[in-house]
Amino acid sequence: MVRVPLEFAKPTMRLAKPICDAKGRVLAGSGSLLTPSVVRLLRRLAIQTVVVTGGDDDIAGWEAVRSLADERRLLETRMGKVVPRSARAMLQEALDRRLARRDRRLGSETDG
């Protein structure tokens, strides 16, 4: 399973989790192919990412949404050694908060 932005969804991919409306009705079930009509429906619902199975070989690294833990590791690697209370430390903290907010938002998108 991998999370991908809807814009990178391919017709060979299948949903790993069902997509439900606000009332809990299933709009696209697990295993549904991401046909153009399904993608249009998801766009109308303002879904930005989907968790898919299959087609992992077709997904470039930049097309997948990384986990929060992976994003934090990459951020630490990119920032290197940071002096506490420095401008770089504040920037790293701000980026970390943004990543955490994005993770919460994306989690609520697919919770159903």
Protein backbone atom coordinates (compact mmCIF):
# COMPACT_ATOMS: atom_id res chain seq x y z
CA MET A 1 0.00 0.00 0.00
CA VAL A 2 1.14 3.49 -0.79
CA ARG A 3 -0.51 6.91 -0.57
CA VAL A 4 -0.42 8.93 -3.79
CA PRO A 5 -1.78 12.34 -4.72
CA LEU A 6 -4.92 11.94 -6.82
CA GLU A 7 -3.23 13.68 -9.74
CA PHE A 8 -0.78 10.76 -10.00
CA ALA A 9 -3.41 8.02 -9.79
CA LYS A 10 -3.27 5.58 -12.67
CA PRO A 11 -6.06 3.37 -14.05
CA THR A 12 -4.02 0.29 -13.06
CA MET A 13 -4.21 1.20 -9.36
CA ARG A 14 -6.84 -0.03 -6.92
CA LEU A 15 -8.04 1.62 -3.73
CA ALA A 16 -6.65 -0.01 -0.60
CA LYS A 17 -9.30 1.65 1.61
CA PRO A 18 -12.91 2.54 0.85
CA ILE A 19 -13.86 6.18 0.29
CA CYS A 20 -17.00 7.20 2.20
CA ASP A 21 -19.13 10.33 2.18
CA ALA A 22 -19.92 12.40 5.28
CA LYS A 23 -22.81 10.06 6.15
CA GLY A 24 -20.57 6.99 6.00
CA ARG A 25 -21.91 5.67 2.70
CA VAL A 26 -19.30 3.91 0.59
CA LEU A 27 -18.69 5.80 -2.64
CA ALA A 28 -15.72 3.76 -3.85
CA GLY A 29 -14.92 0.49 -2.14
CA SER A 30 -11.62 -1.20 -1.42
CA GLY A 31 -10.32 -2.75 -4.60
CA SER A 32 -12.02 -0.23 -6.89
CA LEU A 33 -10.00 0.59 -9.97
CA LEU A 34 -9.12 4.25 -10.27
CA THR A 35 -10.86 4.77 -13.57
CA PRO A 36 -11.28 8.32 -14.88
CA SER A 37 -14.87 8.39 -13.57
CA VAL A 38 -13.79 7.33 -10.07
CA VAL A 39 -11.03 9.96 -10.10
CA ARG A 40 -13.57 12.63 -11.15
CA LEU A 41 -15.85 11.60 -8.26
CA LEU A 42 -12.98 11.81 -5.78
CA ARG A 43 -11.98 15.24 -7.10
CA ARG A 44 -15.54 16.49 -6.62
CA LEU A 45 -15.29 15.31 -3.01
CA ALA A 46 -12.04 17.32 -2.62
CA ILE A 47 -10.04 14.15 -1.96
CA GLN A 48 -6.38 14.98 -2.53
CA THR A 49 -4.68 11.65 -1.88
CA VAL A 50 -5.65 7.99 -1.98
CA VAL A 51 -4.13 4.84 -0.53
CA VAL A 52 -3.65 2.33 -3.33
CA THR A 53 -2.47 -1.22 -3.81
CA GLY A 54 -0.74 -2.57 -6.85
CA GLY A 55 1.17 -0.60 -9.39
CA ASP A 56 3.95 0.08 -6.85
CA ASP A 57 6.48 -0.37 -9.65
CA ASP A 58 4.67 2.35 -11.60
CA ILE A 59 5.01 4.92 -8.81
CA ALA A 60 8.03 7.22 -8.84
CA GLY A 61 9.40 8.23 -5.44
CA TRP A 62 8.20 11.81 -5.88
CA GLU A 63 4.65 10.64 -6.66
CA ALA A 64 4.12 8.93 -3.31
CA VAL A 65 3.28 10.69 -0.07
CA ARG A 66 5.81 9.73 2.59
CA SER A 67 4.87 8.87 6.16
CA LEU A 68 5.33 11.51 8.85
CA ALA A 69 8.24 9.54 10.33
CA ASP A 70 9.98 9.39 6.94
CA GLU A 71 9.40 13.11 6.34
CA ARG A 72 10.84 13.94 9.77
CA ARG A 73 13.94 11.81 9.12
CA LEU A 74 14.46 13.55 5.78
CA LEU A 75 14.02 16.96 7.40
CA GLU A 76 16.62 16.16 10.06
CA THR A 77 19.02 14.91 7.39
CA ARG A 78 18.54 18.03 5.29
CA MET A 79 18.88 20.43 8.21
CA GLY A 80 21.97 18.74 9.65
CA LYS A 81 23.18 19.74 13.09
CA VAL A 82 20.99 22.56 14.37
CA VAL A 83 21.93 24.88 17.23
CA PRO A 84 19.03 25.17 19.69
CA ARG A 85 17.07 28.46 19.55
CA SER A 86 18.74 29.46 16.27
CA ALA A 87 16.94 30.60 13.15
CA ARG A 88 17.55 27.18 11.64
CA ALA A 89 16.07 25.47 14.69
CA MET A 90 12.95 27.65 14.45
CA LEU A 91 12.67 26.87 10.74
CA GLN A 92 12.99 23.14 11.42
CA GLU A 93 10.32 23.34 14.13
CA ALA A 94 7.98 25.25 11.80
CA LEU A 95 8.49 22.70 9.02
CA ASP A 96 7.89 19.86 11.47
CA ARG A 97 4.60 21.45 12.61
CA ARG A 98 3.51 21.82 8.99
CA LEU A 99 4.33 18.17 8.28
CA ALA A 100 2.34 17.10 11.35
CA ARG A 101 -0.69 19.19 10.26
CA ARG A 102 -0.51 17.69 6.76
CA ASP A 103 -0.33 14.20 8.25
CA ARG A 104 -3.43 14.84 10.38
CA ARG A 105 -5.31 16.28 7.39
CA LEU A 106 -4.39 13.36 5.14
CA GLY A 107 -5.27 10.87 7.85
CA SER A 108 -8.74 12.33 8.20
CA GLU A 109 -9.18 12.20 4.42
CA THR A 110 -8.97 8.43 4.31
CA ASP A 111 -10.45 7.54 7.70
CA GLY A 112 -13.74 7.23 6.03
